[in-house]
């Protein structure tokens, strides 16, 4: 995958680097690489989603108190 970052004339390197990092995060390339490193069975993936949802619900309830 190629990321193209448009840099204006006179724009600082720091700003261009920040743009590239932001664009890289938006494309979710890193997340995809990490997911491909290790195979997770579909049943295990569903179980993890349920556990994450339960955790988020507990945190939401805790914050409302």
C-alpha atoms as a PDB file:
ATOM      1  CA  UNK A   1       0.000   0.000   0.000  1.00  0.00           C
ATOM      2  CA  UNK A   2       1.280   3.420  -0.944  1.00  0.00           C
ATOM      3  CA  UNK A   3       0.397   6.506   1.043  1.00  0.00           C
ATOM      4  CA  UNK A   4       0.497   9.775  -0.873  1.00  0.00           C
ATOM      5  CA  UNK A   5       0.833  12.881   1.268  1.00  0.00           C
ATOM      6  CA  UNK A   6       0.405  16.260  -0.368  1.00  0.00           C
ATOM      7  CA  UNK A   7       2.886  18.745   1.066  1.00  0.00           C
ATOM      8  CA  UNK A   8       2.537  22.430   0.305  1.00  0.00           C
ATOM      9  CA  UNK A   9       5.493  24.557  -0.570  1.00  0.00           C
ATOM     10  CA  UNK A  10       7.074  25.998   2.539  1.00  0.00           C
ATOM     11  CA  UNK A  11       5.293  23.562   4.858  1.00  0.00           C
ATOM     12  CA  UNK A  12       7.433  22.303   7.721  1.00  0.00           C
ATOM     13  CA  UNK A  13       8.693  18.737   7.888  1.00  0.00           C
ATOM     14  CA  UNK A  14       7.010  18.248  11.263  1.00  0.00           C
ATOM     15  CA  UNK A  15       3.616  19.120   9.817  1.00  0.00           C
ATOM     16  CA  UNK A  16       4.158  16.776   6.856  1.00  0.00           C
ATOM     17  CA  UNK A  17       5.196  13.969   9.206  1.00  0.00           C
ATOM     18  CA  UNK A  18       2.103  14.566  11.319  1.00  0.00           C
ATOM     19  CA  UNK A  19      -0.061  14.338   8.179  1.00  0.00           C
ATOM     20  CA  UNK A  20       1.581  11.059   7.180  1.00  0.00           C
ATOM     21  CA  UNK A  21       1.070   9.548  10.639  1.00  0.00           C
ATOM     22  CA  UNK A  22      -2.589  10.608  10.639  1.00  0.00           C
ATOM     23  CA  UNK A  23      -3.159   9.143   7.182  1.00  0.00           C
ATOM     24  CA  UNK A  24      -1.385   5.926   8.190  1.00  0.00           C
ATOM     25  CA  UNK A  25      -3.652   5.574  11.246  1.00  0.00           C
ATOM     26  CA  UNK A  26      -6.775   6.173   9.147  1.00  0.00           C
ATOM     27  CA  UNK A  27      -5.882   3.388   6.732  1.00  0.00           C
ATOM     28  CA  UNK A  28      -5.611   0.901   9.645  1.00  0.00           C
ATOM     29  CA  UNK A  29      -2.648  -0.810   7.982  1.00  0.00           C
ATOM     30  CA  UNK A  30      -0.954  -1.589  11.289  1.00  0.00           C
ATOM     31  CA  UNK A  31      -4.117  -3.152  12.715  1.00  0.00           C
ATOM     32  CA  UNK A  32      -4.455  -5.342   9.641  1.00  0.00           C
ATOM     33  CA  UNK A  33      -0.834  -6.517   9.930  1.00  0.00           C
ATOM     34  CA  UNK A  34      -1.319  -7.426  13.580  1.00  0.00           C
ATOM     35  CA  UNK A  35      -4.512  -9.339  12.796  1.00  0.00           C
ATOM     36  CA  UNK A  36      -2.745 -11.342  10.100  1.00  0.00           C
ATOM     37  CA  UNK A  37       0.138 -12.330  12.368  1.00  0.00           C
ATOM     38  CA  UNK A  38      -1.957 -14.832  14.271  1.00  0.00           C
ATOM     39  CA  UNK A  39      -5.109 -16.660  13.171  1.00  0.00           C
ATOM     40  CA  UNK A  40      -8.068 -16.466  15.548  1.00  0.00           C
ATOM     41  CA  UNK A  41     -10.906 -18.934  15.167  1.00  0.00           C
ATOM     42  CA  UNK A  42     -14.285 -17.320  14.394  1.00  0.00           C
ATOM     43  CA  UNK A  43     -15.809 -18.742  17.593  1.00  0.00           C
ATOM     44  CA  UNK A  44     -12.967 -17.285  19.659  1.00  0.00           C
ATOM     45  CA  UNK A  45     -13.330 -13.933  17.911  1.00  0.00           C
ATOM     46  CA  UNK A  46     -17.062 -13.812  18.744  1.00  0.00           C
ATOM     47  CA  UNK A  47     -16.306 -14.708  22.354  1.00  0.00           C
ATOM     48  CA  UNK A  48     -13.748 -11.898  22.568  1.00  0.00           C
ATOM     49  CA  UNK A  49     -16.261  -9.420  21.127  1.00  0.00           C
ATOM     50  CA  UNK A  50     -18.820 -10.446  23.756  1.00  0.00           C
ATOM     51  CA  UNK A  51     -16.262 -10.109  26.551  1.00  0.00           C
ATOM     52  CA  UNK A  52     -15.264  -6.644  25.282  1.00  0.00           C
ATOM     53  CA  UNK A  53     -18.921  -5.587  25.159  1.00  0.00           C
ATOM     54  CA  UNK A  54     -19.481  -6.808  28.726  1.00  0.00           C
ATOM     55  CA  UNK A  55     -16.401  -4.887  29.897  1.00  0.00           C
ATOM     56  CA  UNK A  56     -17.538  -1.690  28.146  1.00  0.00           C
ATOM     57  CA  UNK A  57     -20.997  -2.037  29.698  1.00  0.00           C
ATOM     58  CA  UNK A  58     -19.490  -2.447  33.180  1.00  0.00           C
ATOM     59  CA  UNK A  59     -17.320   0.652  32.652  1.00  0.00           C
ATOM     60  CA  UNK A  60     -20.321   2.654  31.412  1.00  0.00           C
ATOM     61  CA  UNK A  61     -22.375   1.654  34.466  1.00  0.00           C
ATOM     62  CA  UNK A  62     -19.451   2.427  36.778  1.00  0.00           C
ATOM     63  CA  UNK A  63     -18.991   5.895  35.260  1.00  0.00           C
ATOM     64  CA  UNK A  64     -22.686   6.724  35.605  1.00  0.00           C
ATOM     65  CA  UNK A  65     -22.609   6.140  39.367  1.00  0.00           C
END
